[in-house]
Amino acid sequence: MGALPRTVELFYDVLSPYSWLGFEVLCRYKHLWNMDLQLRPSLIAGIMKDSGNSPPALLPRKAQYLNVDLKNLREHLQVPIYIPKDFFNVILQKGSLSAMRFLTAVNLEYPEMLEKVSRELWMRVWSRAAEKAGMSAEQATQLLEKISTVKVKTLLRETTEAACRYGAFGLPVTVAHVDDQTHMLFGSDRMELLAHLLGEKWMGPVPPAPAAKL
């Protein structure tokens, strides 16, 4: 009998482009590494407020670097990420509260769809094209009705608070539970270190697909 999978939590918000990058790399490895990947929709605004941090796009030099960095990472990680044309309206004014409540409702009602729906929302914010998440209109309507419920609001708040307790000051945050130790890793560029902590092999950001089982 093999070792039990290590729990790896990914705290993310669809307003965070680096969350999308980390999300895609971890999803590529979830069947290659012995881990139980748990997706944790969180609210980046709450984490920023709790930690006293500021969005990088508000700082001119960081904003300039963001444009170049995401272009390079788009090619390196093979994720179709682009800066929205109305960046400040989408990112700084609209925010992500409704989107993250929606994903929290998905996690409660249809957890098997969380990965695909999260990717769809990132595609709508950060890419020039969007895919269909495979959700029926009835399911979407049902979930939209739930985003204002106390249950959904409470779960999103509790998840965001959990990320803060781990020491989060931005997103993405990956938390690995290994041999009774908890390791908090910030950013999408810590996956090689995560592999080391898990005792797994790092095969780059785009690993070969797992061989089909006969």
N, C-alpha and C. Protein backbone atom coordinates (compact mmCIF):
# COMPACT_ATOMS: atom_id res chain seq x y z
N MET A 1 0.85 -1.20 0.00
CA MET A 1 0.00 0.00 0.00
C MET A 1 0.88 1.24 0.00
N GLY A 2 0.61 2.17 -0.92
CA GLY A 2 1.44 3.37 -1.06
C GLY A 2 1.14 4.38 0.02
N ALA A 3 1.99 5.39 0.09
CA ALA A 3 1.81 6.46 1.08
C ALA A 3 0.53 7.24 0.78
N LEU A 4 -0.10 7.71 1.82
CA LEU A 4 -1.31 8.51 1.66
C LEU A 4 -0.98 9.84 0.98
N PRO A 5 -1.88 10.34 0.14
CA PRO A 5 -1.63 11.62 -0.53
C PRO A 5 -1.45 12.76 0.47
N ARG A 6 -0.52 13.67 0.18
CA ARG A 6 -0.35 14.86 1.01
C ARG A 6 -1.38 15.90 0.59
N THR A 7 -1.95 16.58 1.55
CA THR A 7 -2.93 17.61 1.25
C THR A 7 -2.23 18.90 0.81
N VAL A 8 -2.65 19.42 -0.33
CA VAL A 8 -2.13 20.69 -0.84
C VAL A 8 -3.32 21.61 -1.10
N GLU A 9 -3.36 22.74 -0.42
CA GLU A 9 -4.44 23.70 -0.59
C GLU A 9 -3.97 24.86 -1.47
N LEU A 10 -4.80 25.24 -2.42
CA LEU A 10 -4.50 26.41 -3.25
C LEU A 10 -5.56 27.47 -2.98
N PHE A 11 -5.15 28.57 -2.37
CA PHE A 11 -6.03 29.71 -2.14
C PHE A 11 -5.87 30.67 -3.33
N TYR A 12 -6.97 31.06 -3.94
CA TYR A 12 -6.88 31.86 -5.17
C TYR A 12 -8.07 32.78 -5.33
N ASP A 13 -7.89 33.76 -6.21
CA ASP A 13 -8.93 34.72 -6.59
C ASP A 13 -8.76 34.95 -8.09
N VAL A 14 -9.86 35.00 -8.81
CA VAL A 14 -9.77 35.14 -10.27
C VAL A 14 -9.26 36.51 -10.71
N LEU A 15 -9.19 37.49 -9.78
CA LEU A 15 -8.58 38.77 -10.13
C LEU A 15 -7.06 38.69 -10.16
N SER A 16 -6.52 37.64 -9.59
CA SER A 16 -5.07 37.47 -9.52
C SER A 16 -4.57 36.66 -10.71
N PRO A 17 -3.83 37.27 -11.64
CA PRO A 17 -3.33 36.51 -12.80
C PRO A 17 -2.34 35.43 -12.38
N TYR A 18 -1.57 35.69 -11.35
CA TYR A 18 -0.59 34.70 -10.90
C TYR A 18 -1.29 33.51 -10.24
N SER A 19 -2.48 33.75 -9.69
CA SER A 19 -3.27 32.64 -9.18
C SER A 19 -3.63 31.67 -10.31
N TRP A 20 -3.99 32.25 -11.47
CA TRP A 20 -4.33 31.39 -12.60
C TRP A 20 -3.13 30.55 -13.02
N LEU A 21 -1.97 31.16 -13.07
CA LEU A 21 -0.78 30.43 -13.48
C LEU A 21 -0.47 29.29 -12.51
N GLY A 22 -0.52 29.58 -11.21
CA GLY A 22 -0.27 28.54 -10.22
C GLY A 22 -1.32 27.45 -10.27
N PHE A 23 -2.58 27.84 -10.49
CA PHE A 23 -3.70 26.91 -10.61
C PHE A 23 -3.47 25.92 -11.75
N GLU A 24 -3.08 26.43 -12.91
CA GLU A 24 -2.90 25.54 -14.06
C GLU A 24 -1.74 24.56 -13.86
N VAL A 25 -0.64 25.05 -13.28
CA VAL A 25 0.50 24.15 -13.05
C VAL A 25 0.12 23.06 -12.06
N LEU A 26 -0.55 23.43 -10.96
CA LEU A 26 -0.93 22.43 -9.97
C LEU A 26 -1.94 21.43 -10.55
N CYS A 27 -2.86 21.91 -11.37
CA CYS A 27 -3.83 21.00 -11.99
C CYS A 27 -3.14 20.01 -12.93
N ARG A 28 -2.06 20.45 -13.58
CA ARG A 28 -1.31 19.55 -14.46
C ARG A 28 -0.61 18.45 -13.66
N TYR A 29 -0.28 18.74 -12.41
CA TYR A 29 0.47 17.78 -11.59
C TYR A 29 -0.42 16.95 -10.66
N LYS A 30 -1.70 17.24 -10.61
CA LYS A 30 -2.53 16.58 -9.59
C LYS A 30 -2.64 15.06 -9.79
N HIS A 31 -2.44 14.61 -11.04
CA HIS A 31 -2.45 13.16 -11.28
C HIS A 31 -1.03 12.59 -11.42
N LEU A 32 -0.03 13.44 -11.31
CA LEU A 32 1.36 12.99 -11.41
C LEU A 32 2.02 12.89 -10.04
N TRP A 33 1.59 13.73 -9.12
CA TRP A 33 2.13 13.72 -7.76
C TRP A 33 1.15 13.06 -6.81
N ASN A 34 1.67 12.52 -5.74
CA ASN A 34 0.83 11.89 -4.72
C ASN A 34 0.31 12.97 -3.78
N MET A 35 -0.68 13.71 -4.27
CA MET A 35 -1.24 14.80 -3.46
C MET A 35 -2.74 14.88 -3.65
N ASP A 36 -3.39 15.41 -2.64
CA ASP A 36 -4.82 15.70 -2.68
C ASP A 36 -4.95 17.21 -2.82
N LEU A 37 -5.18 17.68 -4.05
CA LEU A 37 -5.26 19.11 -4.32
C LEU A 37 -6.63 19.64 -3.95
N GLN A 38 -6.66 20.59 -3.04
CA GLN A 38 -7.91 21.21 -2.59
C GLN A 38 -7.93 22.66 -3.05
N LEU A 39 -8.90 22.99 -3.91
CA LEU A 39 -9.04 24.36 -4.42
C LEU A 39 -9.85 25.18 -3.42
N ARG A 40 -9.31 26.36 -3.02
CA ARG A 40 -9.92 27.18 -1.98
C ARG A 40 -10.19 28.60 -2.49
N PRO A 41 -11.34 28.84 -3.12
CA PRO A 41 -11.67 30.20 -3.57
C PRO A 41 -11.63 31.17 -2.39
N SER A 42 -10.91 32.28 -2.56
CA SER A 42 -10.70 33.25 -1.49
C SER A 42 -10.91 34.66 -2.04
N LEU A 43 -10.87 35.64 -1.16
CA LEU A 43 -11.08 37.03 -1.59
C LEU A 43 -9.78 37.81 -1.39
N ILE A 44 -9.14 38.18 -2.50
CA ILE A 44 -7.84 38.85 -2.41
C ILE A 44 -7.96 40.21 -1.73
N ALA A 45 -9.10 40.89 -1.90
CA ALA A 45 -9.27 42.20 -1.25
C ALA A 45 -9.23 42.05 0.26
N GLY A 46 -9.82 40.98 0.78
CA GLY A 46 -9.81 40.74 2.22
C GLY A 46 -8.42 40.45 2.74
N ILE A 47 -7.64 39.69 1.95
CA ILE A 47 -6.27 39.37 2.35
C ILE A 47 -5.40 40.62 2.31
N MET A 48 -5.57 41.45 1.28
CA MET A 48 -4.80 42.69 1.19
C MET A 48 -5.10 43.60 2.38
N LYS A 49 -6.37 43.70 2.73
CA LYS A 49 -6.76 44.56 3.85
C LYS A 49 -6.20 44.02 5.15
N ASP A 50 -6.30 42.72 5.36
CA ASP A 50 -5.84 42.11 6.61
C ASP A 50 -4.33 42.25 6.79
N SER A 51 -3.59 42.16 5.68
CA SER A 51 -2.13 42.19 5.76
C SER A 51 -1.54 43.59 5.60
N GLY A 52 -2.37 44.56 5.21
CA GLY A 52 -1.87 45.91 4.98
C GLY A 52 -1.12 46.04 3.66
N ASN A 53 -1.35 45.11 2.74
CA ASN A 53 -0.68 45.12 1.45
C ASN A 53 -1.48 45.94 0.44
N SER A 54 -0.86 46.25 -0.70
CA SER A 54 -1.53 46.99 -1.78
C SER A 54 -1.40 46.22 -3.08
N PRO A 55 -2.41 46.29 -3.97
CA PRO A 55 -2.31 45.62 -5.26
C PRO A 55 -1.11 46.13 -6.05
N PRO A 56 -0.33 45.23 -6.66
CA PRO A 56 0.86 45.68 -7.40
C PRO A 56 0.55 46.64 -8.54
N ALA A 57 -0.66 46.52 -9.12
CA ALA A 57 -1.00 47.39 -10.25
C ALA A 57 -1.12 48.85 -9.84
N LEU A 58 -1.24 49.14 -8.55
CA LEU A 58 -1.34 50.52 -8.09
C LEU A 58 0.01 51.21 -8.02
N LEU A 59 1.08 50.42 -8.10
CA LEU A 59 2.43 50.98 -8.08
C LEU A 59 2.97 51.01 -9.51
N PRO A 60 3.28 52.18 -10.06
CA PRO A 60 3.64 52.31 -11.48
C PRO A 60 4.74 51.34 -11.94
N ARG A 61 5.80 51.19 -11.18
CA ARG A 61 6.88 50.30 -11.61
C ARG A 61 6.44 48.84 -11.61
N LYS A 62 5.66 48.46 -10.61
CA LYS A 62 5.16 47.08 -10.57
C LYS A 62 4.18 46.84 -11.71
N ALA A 63 3.34 47.83 -12.00
CA ALA A 63 2.37 47.70 -13.09
C ALA A 63 3.09 47.52 -14.43
N GLN A 64 4.16 48.28 -14.63
CA GLN A 64 4.94 48.16 -15.86
C GLN A 64 5.59 46.78 -15.95
N TYR A 65 6.12 46.31 -14.82
CA TYR A 65 6.74 44.99 -14.79
C TYR A 65 5.71 43.90 -15.04
N LEU A 66 4.48 44.09 -14.50
CA LEU A 66 3.41 43.10 -14.65
C LEU A 66 3.13 42.81 -16.12
N ASN A 67 3.09 43.85 -16.94
CA ASN A 67 2.81 43.69 -18.36
C ASN A 67 3.84 42.79 -19.04
N VAL A 68 5.11 43.04 -18.78
CA VAL A 68 6.18 42.26 -19.40
C VAL A 68 6.22 40.84 -18.83
N ASP A 69 6.06 40.75 -17.51
CA ASP A 69 6.15 39.46 -16.83
C ASP A 69 5.07 38.50 -17.31
N LEU A 70 3.84 38.98 -17.41
CA LEU A 70 2.74 38.11 -17.83
C LEU A 70 2.90 37.66 -19.28
N LYS A 71 3.46 38.52 -20.13
CA LYS A 71 3.72 38.13 -21.51
C LYS A 71 4.72 36.97 -21.55
N ASN A 72 5.80 37.09 -20.78
CA ASN A 72 6.80 36.03 -20.75
C ASN A 72 6.23 34.74 -20.16
N LEU A 73 5.46 34.88 -19.10
CA LEU A 73 4.89 33.69 -18.45
C LEU A 73 3.82 33.04 -19.30
N ARG A 74 3.10 33.84 -20.10
CA ARG A 74 2.10 33.27 -21.02
C ARG A 74 2.76 32.26 -21.95
N GLU A 75 3.92 32.61 -22.46
CA GLU A 75 4.63 31.72 -23.38
C GLU A 75 5.29 30.56 -22.65
N HIS A 76 5.88 30.85 -21.49
CA HIS A 76 6.61 29.82 -20.75
C HIS A 76 5.67 28.76 -20.16
N LEU A 77 4.55 29.21 -19.59
CA LEU A 77 3.63 28.29 -18.92
C LEU A 77 2.51 27.80 -19.83
N GLN A 78 2.42 28.39 -21.02
CA GLN A 78 1.38 28.01 -21.99
C GLN A 78 -0.03 28.20 -21.42
N VAL A 79 -0.25 29.38 -20.86
CA VAL A 79 -1.56 29.78 -20.35
C VAL A 79 -1.95 31.06 -21.09
N PRO A 80 -3.12 31.11 -21.73
CA PRO A 80 -3.49 32.26 -22.59
C PRO A 80 -3.90 33.50 -21.80
N ILE A 81 -2.96 34.10 -21.11
CA ILE A 81 -3.25 35.21 -20.22
C ILE A 81 -2.87 36.54 -20.87
N TYR A 82 -3.82 37.48 -20.86
CA TYR A 82 -3.62 38.81 -21.46
C TYR A 82 -4.16 39.87 -20.50
N ILE A 83 -3.55 41.03 -20.48
CA ILE A 83 -4.04 42.14 -19.67
C ILE A 83 -5.35 42.65 -20.27
N PRO A 84 -6.43 42.77 -19.49
CA PRO A 84 -7.69 43.30 -20.02
C PRO A 84 -7.51 44.73 -20.51
N LYS A 85 -8.23 45.08 -21.59
CA LYS A 85 -8.14 46.43 -22.13
C LYS A 85 -8.62 47.46 -21.11
N ASP A 86 -9.71 47.14 -20.40
CA ASP A 86 -10.23 48.05 -19.38
C ASP A 86 -9.75 47.59 -18.01
N PHE A 87 -8.44 47.45 -17.88
CA PHE A 87 -7.81 46.84 -16.70
C PHE A 87 -8.28 47.47 -15.39
N PHE A 88 -8.22 48.78 -15.28
CA PHE A 88 -8.52 49.42 -14.00
C PHE A 88 -10.00 49.28 -13.63
N ASN A 89 -10.87 49.27 -14.64
CA ASN A 89 -12.28 49.08 -14.36
C ASN A 89 -12.55 47.66 -13.90
N VAL A 90 -11.99 46.68 -14.62
CA VAL A 90 -12.23 45.27 -14.31
C VAL A 90 -11.59 44.88 -12.98
N ILE A 91 -10.35 45.26 -12.79
CA ILE A 91 -9.59 44.79 -11.65
C ILE A 91 -9.78 45.63 -10.40
N LEU A 92 -9.78 46.96 -10.55
CA LEU A 92 -9.75 47.81 -9.37
C LEU A 92 -11.11 48.36 -8.97
N GLN A 93 -12.05 48.44 -9.91
CA GLN A 93 -13.35 49.01 -9.58
C GLN A 93 -14.42 47.94 -9.36
N LYS A 94 -14.52 46.99 -10.29
CA LYS A 94 -15.54 45.95 -10.16
C LYS A 94 -15.21 44.98 -9.03
N GLY A 95 -13.93 44.63 -8.90
CA GLY A 95 -13.55 43.68 -7.87
C GLY A 95 -14.02 42.27 -8.19
N SER A 96 -13.88 41.37 -7.20
CA SER A 96 -14.16 39.96 -7.46
C SER A 96 -15.11 39.33 -6.46
N LEU A 97 -15.78 40.15 -5.62
CA LEU A 97 -16.61 39.59 -4.57
C LEU A 97 -17.69 38.67 -5.12
N SER A 98 -18.42 39.11 -6.14
CA SER A 98 -19.50 38.28 -6.69
C SER A 98 -18.94 37.01 -7.33
N ALA A 99 -17.82 37.14 -8.05
CA ALA A 99 -17.21 35.98 -8.71
C ALA A 99 -16.76 34.95 -7.69
N MET A 100 -16.15 35.41 -6.60
CA MET A 100 -15.64 34.46 -5.62
C MET A 100 -16.76 33.86 -4.79
N ARG A 101 -17.84 34.61 -4.58
CA ARG A 101 -19.02 34.01 -3.94
C ARG A 101 -19.64 32.96 -4.87
N PHE A 102 -19.63 33.25 -6.17
CA PHE A 102 -20.16 32.27 -7.12
C PHE A 102 -19.34 30.98 -7.07
N LEU A 103 -18.01 31.09 -7.06
CA LEU A 103 -17.15 29.91 -6.99
C LEU A 103 -17.32 29.18 -5.66
N THR A 104 -17.56 29.93 -4.60
CA THR A 104 -17.82 29.30 -3.31
C THR A 104 -19.11 28.49 -3.36
N ALA A 105 -20.13 29.03 -4.03
CA ALA A 105 -21.39 28.30 -4.20
C ALA A 105 -21.18 27.04 -5.05
N VAL A 106 -20.36 27.17 -6.10
CA VAL A 106 -20.04 26.00 -6.93
C VAL A 106 -19.37 24.92 -6.07
N ASN A 107 -18.45 25.34 -5.22
CA ASN A 107 -17.74 24.39 -4.37
C ASN A 107 -18.68 23.68 -3.40
N LEU A 108 -19.71 24.38 -2.97
CA LEU A 108 -20.70 23.79 -2.06
C LEU A 108 -21.65 22.84 -2.77
N GLU A 109 -22.10 23.24 -3.95
CA GLU A 109 -23.16 22.49 -4.64
C GLU A 109 -22.63 21.50 -5.68
N TYR A 110 -21.60 21.90 -6.43
CA TYR A 110 -21.06 21.06 -7.50
C TYR A 110 -19.53 21.08 -7.43
N PRO A 111 -18.93 20.53 -6.38
CA PRO A 111 -17.47 20.61 -6.22
C PRO A 111 -16.69 20.00 -7.37
N GLU A 112 -17.28 19.03 -8.06
CA GLU A 112 -16.60 18.41 -9.19
C GLU A 112 -16.44 19.37 -10.36
N MET A 113 -17.17 20.49 -10.36
CA MET A 113 -17.11 21.46 -11.45
C MET A 113 -16.24 22.67 -11.11
N LEU A 114 -15.72 22.71 -9.89
CA LEU A 114 -15.01 23.91 -9.43
C LEU A 114 -13.80 24.24 -10.30
N GLU A 115 -13.02 23.25 -10.66
CA GLU A 115 -11.83 23.50 -11.49
C GLU A 115 -12.22 24.13 -12.82
N LYS A 116 -13.19 23.55 -13.48
CA LYS A 116 -13.56 24.02 -14.81
C LYS A 116 -14.22 25.40 -14.77
N VAL A 117 -15.07 25.64 -13.77
CA VAL A 117 -15.74 26.94 -13.68
C VAL A 117 -14.73 28.03 -13.29
N SER A 118 -13.78 27.70 -12.41
CA SER A 118 -12.74 28.66 -12.06
C SER A 118 -11.95 29.06 -13.30
N ARG A 119 -11.59 28.07 -14.10
CA ARG A 119 -10.84 28.35 -15.33
C ARG A 119 -11.65 29.23 -16.27
N GLU A 120 -12.95 28.97 -16.35
CA GLU A 120 -13.82 29.77 -17.22
C GLU A 120 -13.83 31.23 -16.77
N LEU A 121 -13.90 31.47 -15.48
CA LEU A 121 -13.91 32.85 -15.00
C LEU A 121 -12.58 33.54 -15.27
N TRP A 122 -11.47 32.83 -15.09
CA TRP A 122 -10.17 33.41 -15.43
C TRP A 122 -10.11 33.74 -16.92
N MET A 123 -10.65 32.85 -17.75
CA MET A 123 -10.64 33.10 -19.19
C MET A 123 -11.42 34.37 -19.52
N ARG A 124 -12.50 34.59 -18.83
CA ARG A 124 -13.32 35.77 -19.11
C ARG A 124 -12.62 37.07 -18.69
N VAL A 125 -11.83 37.00 -17.64
CA VAL A 125 -11.15 38.20 -17.15
C VAL A 125 -9.84 38.44 -17.88
N TRP A 126 -9.05 37.38 -18.08
CA TRP A 126 -7.65 37.52 -18.48
C TRP A 126 -7.34 37.00 -19.87
N SER A 127 -8.33 36.50 -20.61
CA SER A 127 -8.03 35.98 -21.93
C SER A 127 -8.95 36.60 -22.97
N ARG A 128 -8.58 36.44 -24.21
CA ARG A 128 -9.38 37.03 -25.30
C ARG A 128 -10.52 36.12 -25.73
N ALA A 129 -10.54 34.94 -25.23
CA ALA A 129 -11.60 34.00 -25.59
C ALA A 129 -12.01 33.24 -24.35
N ALA A 130 -13.25 32.80 -24.31
CA ALA A 130 -13.74 32.05 -23.16
C ALA A 130 -14.32 30.72 -23.61
N GLU A 131 -14.10 29.71 -22.80
CA GLU A 131 -14.66 28.40 -23.08
C GLU A 131 -15.95 28.24 -22.28
N LYS A 132 -16.71 27.22 -22.61
CA LYS A 132 -17.91 26.91 -21.85
C LYS A 132 -17.53 25.97 -20.71
N ALA A 133 -18.06 26.23 -19.54
CA ALA A 133 -17.71 25.44 -18.38
C ALA A 133 -18.56 24.18 -18.25
N GLY A 134 -19.51 23.98 -19.16
CA GLY A 134 -20.32 22.77 -19.11
C GLY A 134 -21.43 22.83 -18.07
N MET A 135 -21.80 24.03 -17.65
CA MET A 135 -22.85 24.19 -16.64
C MET A 135 -24.15 24.60 -17.32
N SER A 136 -25.23 23.97 -16.93
CA SER A 136 -26.52 24.28 -17.54
C SER A 136 -27.01 25.64 -17.05
N ALA A 137 -27.91 26.24 -17.80
CA ALA A 137 -28.48 27.53 -17.42
C ALA A 137 -29.20 27.42 -16.08
N GLU A 138 -29.84 26.27 -15.85
CA GLU A 138 -30.55 26.06 -14.60
C GLU A 138 -29.57 26.02 -13.42
N GLN A 139 -28.44 25.33 -13.61
CA GLN A 139 -27.44 25.26 -12.55
C GLN A 139 -26.86 26.65 -12.27
N ALA A 140 -26.55 27.39 -13.34
CA ALA A 140 -25.98 28.73 -13.16
C ALA A 140 -26.94 29.65 -12.42
N THR A 141 -28.23 29.60 -12.78
CA THR A 141 -29.24 30.42 -12.12
C THR A 141 -29.35 30.06 -10.64
N GLN A 142 -29.33 28.76 -10.37
CA GLN A 142 -29.41 28.28 -8.99
C GLN A 142 -28.24 28.81 -8.16
N LEU A 143 -27.04 28.78 -8.74
CA LEU A 143 -25.86 29.23 -8.02
C LEU A 143 -25.86 30.75 -7.83
N LEU A 144 -26.31 31.49 -8.85
CA LEU A 144 -26.39 32.95 -8.72
C LEU A 144 -27.34 33.36 -7.60
N GLU A 145 -28.39 32.55 -7.40
CA GLU A 145 -29.33 32.84 -6.31
C GLU A 145 -28.70 32.60 -4.95
N LYS A 146 -27.67 31.77 -4.92
CA LYS A 146 -27.05 31.40 -3.64
C LYS A 146 -25.93 32.35 -3.21
N ILE A 147 -25.43 33.20 -4.12
CA ILE A 147 -24.24 33.98 -3.77
C ILE A 147 -24.51 35.01 -2.68
N SER A 148 -25.79 35.34 -2.44
CA SER A 148 -26.11 36.31 -1.39
C SER A 148 -26.56 35.62 -0.10
N THR A 149 -26.49 34.29 -0.05
CA THR A 149 -26.92 33.59 1.15
C THR A 149 -25.85 33.67 2.23
N VAL A 150 -26.29 33.55 3.47
CA VAL A 150 -25.38 33.60 4.61
C VAL A 150 -24.35 32.47 4.53
N LYS A 151 -24.77 31.30 4.07
CA LYS A 151 -23.88 30.14 4.01
C LYS A 151 -22.69 30.40 3.08
N VAL A 152 -22.96 30.95 1.91
CA VAL A 152 -21.91 31.24 0.94
C VAL A 152 -21.01 32.37 1.44
N LYS A 153 -21.61 33.44 1.94
CA LYS A 153 -20.83 34.57 2.44
C LYS A 153 -19.91 34.13 3.58
N THR A 154 -20.46 33.29 4.47
CA THR A 154 -19.67 32.82 5.62
C THR A 154 -18.51 31.95 5.19
N LEU A 155 -18.76 31.04 4.24
CA LEU A 155 -17.69 30.14 3.79
C LEU A 155 -16.57 30.90 3.10
N LEU A 156 -16.92 31.88 2.27
CA LEU A 156 -15.88 32.67 1.60
C LEU A 156 -15.07 33.46 2.63
N ARG A 157 -15.74 34.02 3.60
CA ARG A 157 -15.04 34.77 4.65
C ARG A 157 -14.12 33.83 5.45
N GLU A 158 -14.61 32.66 5.80
CA GLU A 158 -13.82 31.71 6.58
C GLU A 158 -12.61 31.21 5.80
N THR A 159 -12.80 30.99 4.50
CA THR A 159 -11.67 30.54 3.67
C THR A 159 -10.61 31.62 3.56
N THR A 160 -11.06 32.87 3.37
CA THR A 160 -10.13 33.99 3.30
C THR A 160 -9.39 34.15 4.64
N GLU A 161 -10.11 34.01 5.73
CA GLU A 161 -9.47 34.10 7.06
C GLU A 161 -8.47 32.97 7.27
N ALA A 162 -8.78 31.78 6.73
CA ALA A 162 -7.84 30.65 6.84
C ALA A 162 -6.54 30.97 6.13
N ALA A 163 -6.65 31.58 4.93
CA ALA A 163 -5.44 31.97 4.20
C ALA A 163 -4.64 32.99 5.01
N CYS A 164 -5.34 33.92 5.65
CA CYS A 164 -4.65 34.93 6.47
C CYS A 164 -3.95 34.29 7.65
N ARG A 165 -4.57 33.28 8.25
CA ARG A 165 -3.95 32.61 9.39
C ARG A 165 -2.67 31.89 8.97
N TYR A 166 -2.63 31.42 7.75
CA TYR A 166 -1.41 30.79 7.25
C TYR A 166 -0.31 31.81 6.97
N GLY A 167 -0.68 33.10 6.97
CA GLY A 167 0.30 34.15 6.74
C GLY A 167 0.20 34.80 5.38
N ALA A 168 -0.92 34.61 4.67
CA ALA A 168 -1.06 35.17 3.33
C ALA A 168 -1.05 36.69 3.35
N PHE A 169 -0.39 37.27 2.35
CA PHE A 169 -0.39 38.72 2.16
C PHE A 169 -0.76 39.06 0.73
N GLY A 170 -1.10 38.07 -0.06
CA GLY A 170 -1.51 38.20 -1.45
C GLY A 170 -1.90 36.81 -1.93
N LEU A 171 -2.16 36.68 -3.21
CA LEU A 171 -2.51 35.38 -3.79
C LEU A 171 -1.77 35.19 -5.11
N PRO A 172 -1.50 33.94 -5.50
CA PRO A 172 -1.93 32.69 -4.88
C PRO A 172 -1.07 32.30 -3.68
N VAL A 173 -1.68 31.53 -2.81
CA VAL A 173 -0.98 30.90 -1.70
C VAL A 173 -1.22 29.40 -1.77
N THR A 174 -0.14 28.65 -1.75
CA THR A 174 -0.23 27.19 -1.73
C THR A 174 0.23 26.72 -0.35
N VAL A 175 -0.57 25.88 0.27
CA VAL A 175 -0.24 25.36 1.59
C VAL A 175 -0.11 23.85 1.51
N ALA A 176 1.09 23.36 1.81
CA ALA A 176 1.36 21.92 1.77
C ALA A 176 1.45 21.38 3.19
N HIS A 177 0.74 20.30 3.44
CA HIS A 177 0.76 19.65 4.75
C HIS A 177 1.58 18.37 4.61
N VAL A 178 2.78 18.39 5.16
CA VAL A 178 3.73 17.28 4.97
C VAL A 178 4.30 16.86 6.32
N ASP A 179 4.07 15.60 6.68
CA ASP A 179 4.65 15.04 7.91
C ASP A 179 4.41 15.94 9.12
N ASP A 180 3.16 16.29 9.34
CA ASP A 180 2.76 17.11 10.49
C ASP A 180 3.33 18.52 10.46
N GLN A 181 3.85 18.94 9.31
CA GLN A 181 4.34 20.30 9.15
C GLN A 181 3.52 21.01 8.07
N THR A 182 3.35 22.31 8.25
CA THR A 182 2.60 23.12 7.29
C THR A 182 3.55 24.10 6.63
N HIS A 183 3.55 24.11 5.29
CA HIS A 183 4.43 24.99 4.53
C HIS A 183 3.57 25.93 3.68
N MET A 184 3.70 27.24 3.92
CA MET A 184 2.97 28.23 3.13
C MET A 184 3.90 28.80 2.07
N LEU A 185 3.50 28.70 0.82
CA LEU A 185 4.29 29.20 -0.31
C LEU A 185 3.49 30.27 -1.04
N PHE A 186 4.11 31.43 -1.25
CA PHE A 186 3.43 32.51 -1.95
C PHE A 186 3.91 32.59 -3.40
N GLY A 187 2.96 32.80 -4.32
CA GLY A 187 3.30 33.02 -5.72
C GLY A 187 3.16 31.77 -6.56
N SER A 188 3.18 32.00 -7.88
CA SER A 188 3.04 30.89 -8.83
C SER A 188 4.37 30.28 -9.22
N ASP A 189 5.47 30.83 -8.70
CA ASP A 189 6.81 30.37 -9.09
C ASP A 189 7.48 29.54 -8.00
N ARG A 190 6.68 28.92 -7.13
CA ARG A 190 7.23 28.12 -6.04
C ARG A 190 6.93 26.63 -6.22
N MET A 191 6.55 26.23 -7.43
CA MET A 191 6.14 24.84 -7.64
C MET A 191 7.31 23.86 -7.57
N GLU A 192 8.50 24.31 -7.98
CA GLU A 192 9.67 23.43 -7.86
C GLU A 192 10.00 23.20 -6.39
N LEU A 193 9.85 24.23 -5.57
CA LEU A 193 10.06 24.08 -4.14
C LEU A 193 8.98 23.18 -3.54
N LEU A 194 7.74 23.32 -4.01
CA LEU A 194 6.66 22.46 -3.55
C LEU A 194 6.98 21.00 -3.85
N ALA A 195 7.51 20.73 -5.04
CA ALA A 195 7.90 19.36 -5.40
C ALA A 195 8.93 18.83 -4.41
N HIS A 196 9.90 19.67 -4.06
CA HIS A 196 10.93 19.27 -3.10
C HIS A 196 10.30 18.92 -1.76
N LEU A 197 9.38 19.76 -1.28
CA LEU A 197 8.74 19.52 0.01
C LEU A 197 7.91 18.25 0.00
N LEU A 198 7.29 17.94 -1.13
CA LEU A 198 6.46 16.74 -1.26
C LEU A 198 7.27 15.49 -1.57
N GLY A 199 8.56 15.68 -1.91
CA GLY A 199 9.37 14.53 -2.32
C GLY A 199 8.98 14.02 -3.68
N GLU A 200 8.52 14.93 -4.55
CA GLU A 200 8.07 14.57 -5.89
C GLU A 200 9.04 15.12 -6.93
N LYS A 201 8.90 14.63 -8.15
CA LYS A 201 9.76 15.06 -9.25
C LYS A 201 9.17 16.25 -9.97
N TRP A 202 9.97 17.30 -10.14
CA TRP A 202 9.54 18.47 -10.90
C TRP A 202 9.94 18.28 -12.35
N MET A 203 8.96 18.37 -13.25
CA MET A 203 9.20 18.16 -14.67
C MET A 203 8.88 19.40 -15.49
N GLY A 204 9.04 20.56 -14.88
CA GLY A 204 8.76 21.80 -15.58
C GLY A 204 7.30 22.18 -15.47
N PRO A 205 6.95 23.39 -15.93
CA PRO A 205 5.56 23.87 -15.79
C PRO A 205 4.57 23.17 -16.71
N VAL A 206 5.08 22.50 -17.74
CA VAL A 206 4.18 21.76 -18.64
C VAL A 206 4.66 20.31 -18.68
N PRO A 207 4.32 19.51 -17.67
CA PRO A 207 4.83 18.13 -17.62
C PRO A 207 4.16 17.26 -18.67
N PRO A 208 4.77 16.14 -19.02
CA PRO A 208 4.13 15.22 -19.95
C PRO A 208 2.85 14.67 -19.35
N ALA A 209 1.88 14.41 -20.20
CA ALA A 209 0.62 13.86 -19.73
C ALA A 209 0.83 12.47 -19.15
N PRO A 210 0.11 12.12 -18.08
CA PRO A 210 0.27 10.77 -17.51
C PRO A 210 -0.15 9.71 -18.51
N ALA A 211 0.57 8.58 -18.50
CA ALA A 211 0.26 7.48 -19.41
C ALA A 211 -1.11 6.90 -19.09
N ALA A 212 -1.85 6.55 -20.12
CA ALA A 212 -3.18 5.95 -19.92
C ALA A 212 -3.03 4.57 -19.31
N LYS A 213 -3.94 4.27 -18.36
CA LYS A 213 -3.93 2.95 -17.71
C LYS A 213 -4.71 1.95 -18.55
N LEU A 214 -4.14 0.76 -18.68
CA LEU A 214 -4.81 -0.30 -19.45
C LEU A 214 -5.90 -0.95 -18.59
